[in-house]
Amino acid sequence: MGIYTCNKCGQKYTLVYFGTIVPGGKEREDVYCPNCKVLVHSEMTSQCIQAEKVDDKGNIIYDKTK
């Protein structure tokens, strides 16, 4: 698990992959910054990808208001 920084707002995030890996079932998945919603990553995969905010130690920051 890598920790990345958004070039626009400076938010630290990690990429979380989920879903089944299906051979030959790839589609382009775009990932947006969880803070400013700018495109930060794009790749071909059969899984879903989302960006999650992390602290300096790499722990995911969960929004407790939801």
PDB file of N, CA and C in Angstrom:
ATOM      1  N   MET A   1       0.848  -1.174   0.000  1.00  0.00           N
ATOM      2  CA  MET A   1       0.000   0.000   0.000  1.00  0.00           C
ATOM      3  C   MET A   1       0.890   1.233   0.000  1.00  0.00           C
ATOM      4  N   GLY A   2       0.734   2.060  -1.003  1.00  0.00           N
ATOM      5  CA  GLY A   2       1.522   3.279  -1.104  1.00  0.00           C
ATOM      6  C   GLY A   2       0.754   4.480  -0.579  1.00  0.00           C
ATOM      7  N   ILE A   3       1.485   5.494  -0.181  1.00  0.00           N
ATOM      8  CA  ILE A   3       0.892   6.755   0.233  1.00  0.00           C
ATOM      9  C   ILE A   3       1.268   7.785  -0.823  1.00  0.00           C
ATOM     10  N   TYR A   4       0.257   8.467  -1.349  1.00  0.00           N
ATOM     11  CA  TYR A   4       0.447   9.448  -2.407  1.00  0.00           C
ATOM     12  C   TYR A   4      -0.025  10.801  -1.910  1.00  0.00           C
ATOM     13  N   THR A   5       0.390  11.862  -2.590  1.00  0.00           N
ATOM     14  CA  THR A   5      -0.018  13.218  -2.248  1.00  0.00           C
ATOM     15  C   THR A   5      -0.624  13.868  -3.484  1.00  0.00           C
ATOM     16  N   CYS A   6      -1.797  14.460  -3.322  1.00  0.00           N
ATOM     17  CA  CYS A   6      -2.462  15.160  -4.424  1.00  0.00           C
ATOM     18  C   CYS A   6      -1.634  16.380  -4.807  1.00  0.00           C
ATOM     19  N   ASN A   7      -1.376  16.536  -6.102  1.00  0.00           N
ATOM     20  CA  ASN A   7      -0.581  17.670  -6.589  1.00  0.00           C
ATOM     21  C   ASN A   7      -1.327  18.992  -6.472  1.00  0.00           C
ATOM     22  N   LYS A   8      -2.660  18.938  -6.400  1.00  0.00           N
ATOM     23  CA  LYS A   8      -3.442  20.173  -6.335  1.00  0.00           C
ATOM     24  C   LYS A   8      -3.628  20.681  -4.908  1.00  0.00           C
ATOM     25  N   CYS A   9      -4.080  19.806  -3.993  1.00  0.00           N
ATOM     26  CA  CYS A   9      -4.428  20.276  -2.646  1.00  0.00           C
ATOM     27  C   CYS A   9      -3.489  19.779  -1.551  1.00  0.00           C
ATOM     28  N   GLY A  10      -2.615  18.812  -1.850  1.00  0.00           N
ATOM     29  CA  GLY A  10      -1.669  18.312  -0.866  1.00  0.00           C
ATOM     30  C   GLY A  10      -2.204  17.232   0.054  1.00  0.00           C
ATOM     31  N   GLN A  11      -3.441  16.774  -0.172  1.00  0.00           N
ATOM     32  CA  GLN A  11      -4.031  15.721   0.663  1.00  0.00           C
ATOM     33  C   GLN A  11      -3.291  14.399   0.446  1.00  0.00           C
ATOM     34  N   LYS A  12      -2.950  13.717   1.531  1.00  0.00           N
ATOM     35  CA  LYS A  12      -2.343  12.391   1.426  1.00  0.00           C
ATOM     36  C   LYS A  12      -3.457  11.361   1.307  1.00  0.00           C
ATOM     37  N   TYR A  13      -3.232  10.366   0.439  1.00  0.00           N
ATOM     38  CA  TYR A  13      -4.236   9.338   0.209  1.00  0.00           C
ATOM     39  C   TYR A  13      -3.574   8.025  -0.156  1.00  0.00           C
ATOM     40  N   THR A  14      -4.344   6.952  -0.086  1.00  0.00           N
ATOM     41  CA  THR A  14      -3.900   5.646  -0.546  1.00  0.00           C
ATOM     42  C   THR A  14      -4.950   5.117  -1.510  1.00  0.00           C
ATOM     43  N   LEU A  15      -4.562   4.201  -2.360  1.00  0.00           N
ATOM     44  CA  LEU A  15      -5.499   3.576  -3.297  1.00  0.00           C
ATOM     45  C   LEU A  15      -5.991   2.266  -2.703  1.00  0.00           C
ATOM     46  N   VAL A  16      -7.299   2.084  -2.692  1.00  0.00           N
ATOM     47  CA  VAL A  16      -7.920   0.877  -2.167  1.00  0.00           C
ATOM     48  C   VAL A  16      -8.583   0.146  -3.336  1.00  0.00           C
ATOM     49  N   TYR A  17      -8.182  -1.104  -3.533  1.00  0.00           N
ATOM     50  CA  TYR A  17      -8.725  -1.942  -4.602  1.00  0.00           C
ATOM     51  C   TYR A  17      -9.733  -2.909  -3.991  1.00  0.00           C
ATOM     52  N   PHE A  18     -10.888  -3.087  -4.650  1.00  0.00           N
ATOM     53  CA  PHE A  18     -11.868  -4.050  -4.172  1.00  0.00           C
ATOM     54  C   PHE A  18     -12.622  -4.630  -5.358  1.00  0.00           C
ATOM     55  N   GLY A  19     -13.196  -5.797  -5.142  1.00  0.00           N
ATOM     56  CA  GLY A  19     -13.910  -6.493  -6.204  1.00  0.00           C
ATOM     57  C   GLY A  19     -13.109  -7.674  -6.706  1.00  0.00           C
ATOM     58  N   THR A  20     -13.739  -8.459  -7.521  1.00  0.00           N
ATOM     59  CA  THR A  20     -13.153  -9.683  -8.052  1.00  0.00           C
ATOM     60  C   THR A  20     -12.243  -9.388  -9.236  1.00  0.00           C
ATOM     61  N   ILE A  21     -11.121 -10.076  -9.293  1.00  0.00           N
ATOM     62  CA  ILE A  21     -10.232  -9.986 -10.452  1.00  0.00           C
ATOM     63  C   ILE A  21     -10.768 -10.953 -11.507  1.00  0.00           C
ATOM     64  N   VAL A  22     -11.105 -10.415 -12.685  1.00  0.00           N
ATOM     65  CA  VAL A  22     -11.681 -11.217 -13.760  1.00  0.00           C
ATOM     66  C   VAL A  22     -10.757 -11.138 -14.968  1.00  0.00           C
ATOM     67  N   PRO A  23     -10.201 -12.263 -15.407  1.00  0.00           N
ATOM     68  CA  PRO A  23      -9.330 -12.248 -16.576  1.00  0.00           C
ATOM     69  C   PRO A  23     -10.059 -11.710 -17.813  1.00  0.00           C
ATOM     70  N   GLY A  24      -9.454 -10.742 -18.480  1.00  0.00           N
ATOM     71  CA  GLY A  24     -10.021 -10.189 -19.701  1.00  0.00           C
ATOM     72  C   GLY A  24     -11.147  -9.202 -19.478  1.00  0.00           C
ATOM     73  N   GLY A  25     -11.530  -8.929 -18.244  1.00  0.00           N
ATOM     74  CA  GLY A  25     -12.649  -8.034 -17.966  1.00  0.00           C
ATOM     75  C   GLY A  25     -12.211  -6.658 -17.544  1.00  0.00           C
ATOM     76  N   LYS A  26     -11.194  -6.123 -18.169  1.00  0.00           N
ATOM     77  CA  LYS A  26     -10.627  -4.848 -17.729  1.00  0.00           C
ATOM     78  C   LYS A  26     -11.370  -3.653 -18.313  1.00  0.00           C
ATOM     79  N   GLU A  27     -11.512  -2.635 -17.482  1.00  0.00           N
ATOM     80  CA  GLU A  27     -12.049  -1.347 -17.895  1.00  0.00           C
ATOM     81  C   GLU A  27     -11.189  -0.260 -17.274  1.00  0.00           C
ATOM     82  N   ARG A  28     -11.222   0.928 -17.834  1.00  0.00           N
ATOM     83  CA  ARG A  28     -10.452   2.035 -17.280  1.00  0.00           C
ATOM     84  C   ARG A  28     -11.157   2.538 -16.025  1.00  0.00           C
ATOM     85  N   GLU A  29     -10.418   2.580 -14.935  1.00  0.00           N
ATOM     86  CA  GLU A  29     -10.919   3.088 -13.656  1.00  0.00           C
ATOM     87  C   GLU A  29     -10.198   4.393 -13.346  1.00  0.00           C
ATOM     88  N   ASP A  30     -10.962   5.465 -13.196  1.00  0.00           N
ATOM     89  CA  ASP A  30     -10.414   6.761 -12.817  1.00  0.00           C
ATOM     90  C   ASP A  30     -10.596   6.946 -11.320  1.00  0.00           C
ATOM     91  N   VAL A  31      -9.584   7.511 -10.665  1.00  0.00           N
ATOM     92  CA  VAL A  31      -9.614   7.721  -9.223  1.00  0.00           C
ATOM     93  C   VAL A  31      -9.435   9.211  -8.963  1.00  0.00           C
ATOM     94  N   TYR A  32     -10.268   9.749  -8.076  1.00  0.00           N
ATOM     95  CA  TYR A  32     -10.261  11.175  -7.780  1.00  0.00           C
ATOM     96  C   TYR A  32      -9.833  11.431  -6.343  1.00  0.00           C
ATOM     97  N   CYS A  33      -9.168  12.539  -6.118  1.00  0.00           N
ATOM     98  CA  CYS A  33      -8.719  12.931  -4.783  1.00  0.00           C
ATOM     99  C   CYS A  33      -9.927  12.983  -3.847  1.00  0.00           C
ATOM    100  N   PRO A  34      -9.819  12.375  -2.655  1.00  0.00           N
ATOM    101  CA  PRO A  34     -10.953  12.392  -1.734  1.00  0.00           C
ATOM    102  C   PRO A  34     -11.222  13.781  -1.142  1.00  0.00           C
ATOM    103  N   ASN A  35     -10.322  14.720  -1.363  1.00  0.00           N
ATOM    104  CA  ASN A  35     -10.476  16.059  -0.802  1.00  0.00           C
ATOM    105  C   ASN A  35     -10.973  17.063  -1.847  1.00  0.00           C
ATOM    106  N   CYS A  36     -10.247  17.208  -2.957  1.00  0.00           N
ATOM    107  CA  CYS A  36     -10.578  18.246  -3.950  1.00  0.00           C
ATOM    108  C   CYS A  36     -11.214  17.697  -5.225  1.00  0.00           C
ATOM    109  N   LYS A  37     -11.314  16.377  -5.345  1.00  0.00           N
ATOM    110  CA  LYS A  37     -12.004  15.691  -6.455  1.00  0.00           C
ATOM    111  C   LYS A  37     -11.319  15.831  -7.814  1.00  0.00           C
ATOM    112  N   VAL A  38     -10.022  16.149  -7.847  1.00  0.00           N
ATOM    113  CA  VAL A  38      -9.270  16.195  -9.094  1.00  0.00           C
ATOM    114  C   VAL A  38      -8.810  14.769  -9.431  1.00  0.00           C
ATOM    115  N   LEU A  39      -8.700  14.452 -10.717  1.00  0.00           N
ATOM    116  CA  LEU A  39      -8.241  13.133 -11.148  1.00  0.00           C
ATOM    117  C   LEU A  39      -6.795  12.927 -10.707  1.00  0.00           C
ATOM    118  N   VAL A  40      -6.537  11.841  -9.944  1.00  0.00           N
ATOM    119  CA  VAL A  40      -5.186  11.584  -9.435  1.00  0.00           C
ATOM    120  C   VAL A  40      -4.590  10.282  -9.955  1.00  0.00           C
ATOM    121  N   HIS A  41      -5.422   9.396 -10.520  1.00  0.00           N
ATOM    122  CA  HIS A  41      -4.915   8.089 -10.953  1.00  0.00           C
ATOM    123  C   HIS A  41      -5.905   7.488 -11.944  1.00  0.00           C
ATOM    124  N   SER A  42      -5.377   6.724 -12.895  1.00  0.00           N
ATOM    125  CA  SER A  42      -6.216   6.030 -13.862  1.00  0.00           C
ATOM    126  C   SER A  42      -5.474   4.774 -14.305  1.00  0.00           C
ATOM    127  N   GLU A  43      -6.182   3.646 -14.340  1.00  0.00           N
ATOM    128  CA  GLU A  43      -5.549   2.409 -14.812  1.00  0.00           C
ATOM    129  C   GLU A  43      -6.598   1.439 -15.331  1.00  0.00           C
ATOM    130  N   MET A  44      -6.135   0.482 -16.119  1.00  0.00           N
ATOM    131  CA  MET A  44      -6.993  -0.577 -16.641  1.00  0.00           C
ATOM    132  C   MET A  44      -6.985  -1.731 -15.645  1.00  0.00           C
ATOM    133  N   THR A  45      -8.167  -2.122 -15.152  1.00  0.00           N
ATOM    134  CA  THR A  45      -8.271  -3.204 -14.184  1.00  0.00           C
ATOM    135  C   THR A  45      -9.699  -3.736 -14.182  1.00  0.00           C
ATOM    136  N   SER A  46      -9.872  -4.936 -13.654  1.00  0.00           N
ATOM    137  CA  SER A  46     -11.223  -5.479 -13.495  1.00  0.00           C
ATOM    138  C   SER A  46     -11.768  -5.174 -12.102  1.00  0.00           C
ATOM    139  N   GLN A  47     -10.935  -4.607 -11.233  1.00  0.00           N
ATOM    140  CA  GLN A  47     -11.370  -4.239  -9.890  1.00  0.00           C
ATOM    141  C   GLN A  47     -11.827  -2.784  -9.859  1.00  0.00           C
ATOM    142  N   CYS A  48     -12.472  -2.398  -8.777  1.00  0.00           N
ATOM    143  CA  CYS A  48     -12.815  -1.002  -8.534  1.00  0.00           C
ATOM    144  C   CYS A  48     -11.712  -0.401  -7.671  1.00  0.00           C
ATOM    145  N   ILE A  49     -11.470   0.892  -7.853  1.00  0.00           N
ATOM    146  CA  ILE A  49     -10.428   1.574  -7.096  1.00  0.00           C
ATOM    147  C   ILE A  49     -11.009   2.861  -6.526  1.00  0.00           C
ATOM    148  N   GLN A  50     -10.650   3.173  -5.285  1.00  0.00           N
ATOM    149  CA  GLN A  50     -11.001   4.473  -4.736  1.00  0.00           C
ATOM    150  C   GLN A  50      -9.858   4.986  -3.884  1.00  0.00           C
ATOM    151  N   ALA A  51      -9.792   6.294  -3.750  1.00  0.00           N
ATOM    152  CA  ALA A  51      -8.773   6.928  -2.921  1.00  0.00           C
ATOM    153  C   ALA A  51      -9.363   7.192  -1.543  1.00  0.00           C
ATOM    154  N   GLU A  52      -8.580   6.898  -0.511  1.00  0.00           N
ATOM    155  CA  GLU A  52      -8.992   7.141   0.871  1.00  0.00           C
ATOM    156  C   GLU A  52      -7.964   8.046   1.531  1.00  0.00           C
ATOM    157  N   LYS A  53      -8.437   9.039   2.296  1.00  0.00           N
ATOM    158  CA  LYS A  53      -7.538   9.935   3.030  1.00  0.00           C
ATOM    159  C   LYS A  53      -6.742   9.133   4.048  1.00  0.00           C
ATOM    160  N   VAL A  54      -5.460   9.489   4.219  1.00  0.00           N
ATOM    161  CA  VAL A  54      -4.622   8.838   5.233  1.00  0.00           C
ATOM    162  C   VAL A  54      -3.888   9.894   6.047  1.00  0.00           C
ATOM    163  N   ASP A  55      -3.479   9.495   7.269  1.00  0.00           N
ATOM    164  CA  ASP A  55      -2.659  10.380   8.099  1.00  0.00           C
ATOM    165  C   ASP A  55      -1.191  10.154   7.743  1.00  0.00           C
ATOM    166  N   ASP A  56      -0.281  10.796   8.473  1.00  0.00           N
ATOM    167  CA  ASP A  56       1.153  10.701   8.179  1.00  0.00           C
ATOM    168  C   ASP A  56       1.705   9.293   8.350  1.00  0.00           C
ATOM    169  N   LYS A  57       1.031   8.452   9.137  1.00  0.00           N
ATOM    170  CA  LYS A  57       1.483   7.080   9.359  1.00  0.00           C
ATOM    171  C   LYS A  57       0.871   6.091   8.366  1.00  0.00           C
ATOM    172  N   GLY A  58      -0.017   6.568   7.497  1.00  0.00           N
ATOM    173  CA  GLY A  58      -0.641   5.688   6.510  1.00  0.00           C
ATOM    174  C   GLY A  58      -1.943   5.064   6.953  1.00  0.00           C
ATOM    175  N   ASN A  59      -2.481   5.502   8.099  1.00  0.00           N
ATOM    176  CA  ASN A  59      -3.758   4.984   8.585  1.00  0.00           C
ATOM    177  C   ASN A  59      -4.908   5.716   7.889  1.00  0.00           C
ATOM    178  N   ILE A  60      -5.875   4.950   7.407  1.00  0.00           N
ATOM    179  CA  ILE A  60      -7.033   5.562   6.722  1.00  0.00           C
ATOM    180  C   ILE A  60      -7.819   6.400   7.718  1.00  0.00           C
ATOM    181  N   ILE A  61      -8.198   7.601   7.278  1.00  0.00           N
ATOM    182  CA  ILE A  61      -8.994   8.516   8.087  1.00  0.00           C
ATOM    183  C   ILE A  61     -10.452   8.323   7.679  1.00  0.00           C
ATOM    184  N   TYR A  62     -11.247   7.771   8.578  1.00  0.00           N
ATOM    185  CA  TYR A  62     -12.661   7.541   8.290  1.00  0.00           C
ATOM    186  C   TYR A  62     -13.479   8.763   8.702  1.00  0.00           C
ATOM    187  N   ASP A  63     -14.443   9.115   7.859  1.00  0.00           N
ATOM    188  CA  ASP A  63     -15.343  10.232   8.151  1.00  0.00           C
ATOM    189  C   ASP A  63     -16.443   9.740   9.068  1.00  0.00           C
ATOM    190  N   LYS A  64     -16.421  10.157  10.314  1.00  0.00           N
ATOM    191  CA  LYS A  64     -17.373   9.671  11.314  1.00  0.00           C
ATOM    192  C   LYS A  64     -18.724  10.354  11.249  1.00  0.00           C
ATOM    193  N   THR A  65     -18.863  11.364  10.359  1.00  0.00           N
ATOM    194  CA  THR A  65     -20.140  12.063  10.239  1.00  0.00           C
ATOM    195  C   THR A  65     -21.091  11.361   9.294  1.00  0.00           C
ATOM    196  N   LYS A  66     -20.627  10.355   8.570  1.00  0.00           N
ATOM    197  CA  LYS A  66     -21.482   9.645   7.598  1.00  0.00           C
ATOM    198  C   LYS A  66     -22.122   8.446   8.219  1.00  0.00           C
TER     199      LYS A  66
END
